[in-house]
Amino acid sequence: QVQLVESGGGLVQAGGSLRLSCAASGTIFSINIMAWYRQAPGQQRELVARITSGGSTNYADSVKGRFTISRDNAKNTVYLQMNSLKPEDTATYYCARVRLSDFSPSNWGQGTQVTVSS
């Protein structure tokens, strides 16, 4: 059974940085497409960034140039480095394993809260 466990969220001032981690188990991590999503109160969950097994990345326009997704296959872990954080980045961030067929999420982590104060 696939398990995804996020960590690294917290409270930070605007302009600050955080690094989220997502440790995966129960899957051959190196072949998976992995992604980070976020959901703010009252809003739909949205894709933040995605990384393929080969390291190709995609980002939401709102985070381009500020966030970086990366992966360490030896540690079965995907990361999200978040710099120049803004209050509008406040949300619960979720790690997801993504289907190769249509890029839809197949498994979710429990989420980690990121709060950016102004």
C-alpha atoms as a PDB file:
ATOM      1  CA  GLN A   1       0.000   0.000   0.000  1.00  0.00           C
ATOM      2  CA  VAL A   2       1.327   3.400  -0.986  1.00  0.00           C
ATOM      3  CA  GLN A   3       1.968   5.787   1.870  1.00  0.00           C
ATOM      4  CA  LEU A   4       3.002   9.416   1.522  1.00  0.00           C
ATOM      5  CA  VAL A   5       4.058  11.420   4.573  1.00  0.00           C
ATOM      6  CA  GLU A   6       4.644  15.167   4.342  1.00  0.00           C
ATOM      7  CA  SER A   7       6.660  17.297   6.719  1.00  0.00           C
ATOM      8  CA  GLY A   8       8.199  20.745   6.888  1.00  0.00           C
ATOM      9  CA  GLY A   9       5.203  23.035   7.058  1.00  0.00           C
ATOM     10  CA  GLY A  10       4.897  25.868   9.534  1.00  0.00           C
ATOM     11  CA  LEU A  11       4.474  29.581  10.091  1.00  0.00           C
ATOM     12  CA  VAL A  12       6.768  31.982   8.249  1.00  0.00           C
ATOM     13  CA  GLN A  13       6.808  35.702   7.517  1.00  0.00           C
ATOM     14  CA  ALA A  14       6.289  36.992   4.015  1.00  0.00           C
ATOM     15  CA  GLY A  15       9.525  36.814   2.057  1.00  0.00           C
ATOM     16  CA  GLY A  16      10.714  33.812   4.006  1.00  0.00           C
ATOM     17  CA  SER A  17      11.399  30.242   2.942  1.00  0.00           C
ATOM     18  CA  LEU A  18      10.288  26.740   3.798  1.00  0.00           C
ATOM     19  CA  ARG A  19      11.175  23.309   2.472  1.00  0.00           C
ATOM     20  CA  LEU A  20       8.537  20.605   2.404  1.00  0.00           C
ATOM     21  CA  SER A  21       9.419  16.930   2.257  1.00  0.00           C
ATOM     22  CA  CYS A  22       7.336  13.932   1.267  1.00  0.00           C
ATOM     23  CA  ALA A  23       8.559  10.450   2.083  1.00  0.00           C
ATOM     24  CA  ALA A  24       7.023   7.650   0.031  1.00  0.00           C
ATOM     25  CA  SER A  25       6.724   3.949   0.784  1.00  0.00           C
ATOM     26  CA  GLY A  26       4.957   0.978  -0.748  1.00  0.00           C
ATOM     27  CA  THR A  27       5.843   1.918  -4.299  1.00  0.00           C
ATOM     28  CA  ILE A  28       8.764   1.872  -6.695  1.00  0.00           C
ATOM     29  CA  PHE A  29       9.381   5.533  -6.100  1.00  0.00           C
ATOM     30  CA  SER A  30      11.909   6.108  -8.854  1.00  0.00           C
ATOM     31  CA  ILE A  31       9.412   5.421 -11.639  1.00  0.00           C
ATOM     32  CA  ASN A  32       6.632   7.560 -10.218  1.00  0.00           C
ATOM     33  CA  ILE A  33       5.557  11.009 -11.254  1.00  0.00           C
ATOM     34  CA  MET A  34       5.218  13.015  -8.052  1.00  0.00           C
ATOM     35  CA  ALA A  35       3.491  16.312  -7.389  1.00  0.00           C
ATOM     36  CA  TRP A  36       2.656  18.920  -4.793  1.00  0.00           C
ATOM     37  CA  TYR A  37      -0.831  20.373  -4.565  1.00  0.00           C
ATOM     38  CA  ARG A  38      -2.270  22.949  -2.206  1.00  0.00           C
ATOM     39  CA  GLN A  39      -5.673  23.891  -0.923  1.00  0.00           C
ATOM     40  CA  ALA A  40      -6.572  27.142   0.765  1.00  0.00           C
ATOM     41  CA  PRO A  41      -9.757  27.466   2.850  1.00  0.00           C
ATOM     42  CA  GLY A  42     -12.812  27.717   0.635  1.00  0.00           C
ATOM     43  CA  GLN A  43     -10.838  27.038  -2.509  1.00  0.00           C
ATOM     44  CA  GLN A  44     -10.277  24.039  -4.743  1.00  0.00           C
ATOM     45  CA  ARG A  45      -7.119  21.987  -4.506  1.00  0.00           C
ATOM     46  CA  GLU A  46      -4.654  23.129  -7.142  1.00  0.00           C
ATOM     47  CA  LEU A  47      -1.474  21.778  -8.661  1.00  0.00           C
ATOM     48  CA  VAL A  48       1.645  23.570  -7.467  1.00  0.00           C
ATOM     49  CA  ALA A  49       4.427  21.555  -9.108  1.00  0.00           C
ATOM     50  CA  ARG A  50       5.062  18.185 -10.684  1.00  0.00           C
ATOM     51  CA  ILE A  51       8.214  16.174 -11.376  1.00  0.00           C
ATOM     52  CA  THR A  52       8.616  13.144 -13.616  1.00  0.00           C
ATOM     53  CA  SER A  53      10.832  10.136 -13.025  1.00  0.00           C
ATOM     54  CA  GLY A  54      13.371  11.739 -15.343  1.00  0.00           C
ATOM     55  CA  GLY A  55      13.365  15.014 -13.455  1.00  0.00           C
ATOM     56  CA  SER A  56      11.264  17.136 -15.809  1.00  0.00           C
ATOM     57  CA  THR A  57       9.251  19.722 -13.909  1.00  0.00           C
ATOM     58  CA  ASN A  58       6.100  21.803 -14.284  1.00  0.00           C
ATOM     59  CA  TYR A  59       4.936  24.673 -12.113  1.00  0.00           C
ATOM     60  CA  ALA A  60       1.826  26.700 -11.577  1.00  0.00           C
ATOM     61  CA  ASP A  61       2.278  30.209 -12.920  1.00  0.00           C
ATOM     62  CA  SER A  62       1.755  31.622  -9.437  1.00  0.00           C
ATOM     63  CA  VAL A  63       4.875  29.916  -8.069  1.00  0.00           C
ATOM     64  CA  LYS A  64       7.252  29.950 -11.043  1.00  0.00           C
ATOM     65  CA  GLY A  65      10.609  31.399 -10.091  1.00  0.00           C
ATOM     66  CA  ARG A  66       9.895  31.047  -6.368  1.00  0.00           C
ATOM     67  CA  PHE A  67       9.285  27.324  -5.787  1.00  0.00           C
ATOM     68  CA  THR A  68      11.451  24.377  -6.798  1.00  0.00           C
ATOM     69  CA  ILE A  69      10.389  20.735  -6.820  1.00  0.00           C
ATOM     70  CA  SER A  70      13.055  18.060  -6.632  1.00  0.00           C
ATOM     71  CA  ARG A  71      13.399  14.398  -5.793  1.00  0.00           C
ATOM     72  CA  ASP A  72      15.912  12.039  -4.207  1.00  0.00           C
ATOM     73  CA  ASN A  73      15.174   8.537  -5.456  1.00  0.00           C
ATOM     74  CA  ALA A  74      17.673   6.997  -3.056  1.00  0.00           C
ATOM     75  CA  LYS A  75      15.624   8.390  -0.170  1.00  0.00           C
ATOM     76  CA  ASN A  76      12.194   7.896  -1.783  1.00  0.00           C
ATOM     77  CA  THR A  77      11.541  11.553  -1.089  1.00  0.00           C
ATOM     78  CA  VAL A  78      10.232  14.516  -3.045  1.00  0.00           C
ATOM     79  CA  TYR A  79      10.836  18.093  -1.912  1.00  0.00           C
ATOM     80  CA  LEU A  80       9.304  21.486  -2.443  1.00  0.00           C
ATOM     81  CA  GLN A  81      11.610  24.414  -1.773  1.00  0.00           C
ATOM     82  CA  MET A  82       9.512  27.539  -1.324  1.00  0.00           C
ATOM     83  CA  ASN A  83      11.211  30.931  -1.415  1.00  0.00           C
ATOM     84  CA  SER A  84       9.897  34.488  -1.363  1.00  0.00           C
ATOM     85  CA  LEU A  85       6.714  33.260   0.265  1.00  0.00           C
ATOM     86  CA  LYS A  86       3.611  35.420   0.068  1.00  0.00           C
ATOM     87  CA  PRO A  87       0.489  35.471   2.260  1.00  0.00           C
ATOM     88  CA  GLU A  88      -1.451  34.034  -0.691  1.00  0.00           C
ATOM     89  CA  ASP A  89       0.728  30.904  -0.478  1.00  0.00           C
ATOM     90  CA  THR A  90      -1.014  30.059   2.795  1.00  0.00           C
ATOM     91  CA  ALA A  91      -2.650  26.655   2.367  1.00  0.00           C
ATOM     92  CA  THR A  92      -2.474  22.999   3.238  1.00  0.00           C
ATOM     93  CA  TYR A  93       0.105  21.401   0.971  1.00  0.00           C
ATOM     94  CA  TYR A  94      -0.365  17.826  -0.191  1.00  0.00           C
ATOM     95  CA  CYS A  95       2.053  15.409  -1.763  1.00  0.00           C
ATOM     96  CA  ALA A  96       0.640  13.153  -4.471  1.00  0.00           C
ATOM     97  CA  ARG A  97       1.661  10.253  -6.627  1.00  0.00           C
ATOM     98  CA  VAL A  98       0.460  10.925 -10.157  1.00  0.00           C
ATOM     99  CA  ARG A  99      -0.807   8.564 -12.821  1.00  0.00           C
ATOM    100  CA  LEU A 100       1.298   8.378 -15.926  1.00  0.00           C
ATOM    101  CA  SER A 101      -1.791   7.947 -18.125  1.00  0.00           C
ATOM    102  CA  ASP A 102      -3.481  11.278 -17.433  1.00  0.00           C
ATOM    103  CA  PHE A 103      -1.449  12.989 -14.689  1.00  0.00           C
ATOM    104  CA  SER A 104      -4.314  12.677 -12.221  1.00  0.00           C
ATOM    105  CA  PRO A 105      -3.398  11.986  -8.583  1.00  0.00           C
ATOM    106  CA  SER A 106      -3.666   8.366  -7.487  1.00  0.00           C
ATOM    107  CA  ASN A 107      -2.495   8.706  -3.872  1.00  0.00           C
ATOM    108  CA  TRP A 108      -2.400  11.571  -1.370  1.00  0.00           C
ATOM    109  CA  GLY A 109      -0.478  12.383   1.746  1.00  0.00           C
ATOM    110  CA  GLN A 110      -2.189  13.770   4.826  1.00  0.00           C
ATOM    111  CA  GLY A 111      -1.112  17.333   4.134  1.00  0.00           C
ATOM    112  CA  THR A 112       1.051  19.873   5.919  1.00  0.00           C
ATOM    113  CA  GLN A 113      -0.026  23.404   6.802  1.00  0.00           C
ATOM    114  CA  VAL A 114       1.899  26.401   5.507  1.00  0.00           C
ATOM    115  CA  THR A 115       0.971  29.797   6.899  1.00  0.00           C
ATOM    116  CA  VAL A 116       2.596  32.978   5.622  1.00  0.00           C
ATOM    117  CA  SER A 117       2.065  36.091   7.696  1.00  0.00           C
ATOM    118  CA  SER A 118       2.191  39.589   6.237  1.00  0.00           C
END
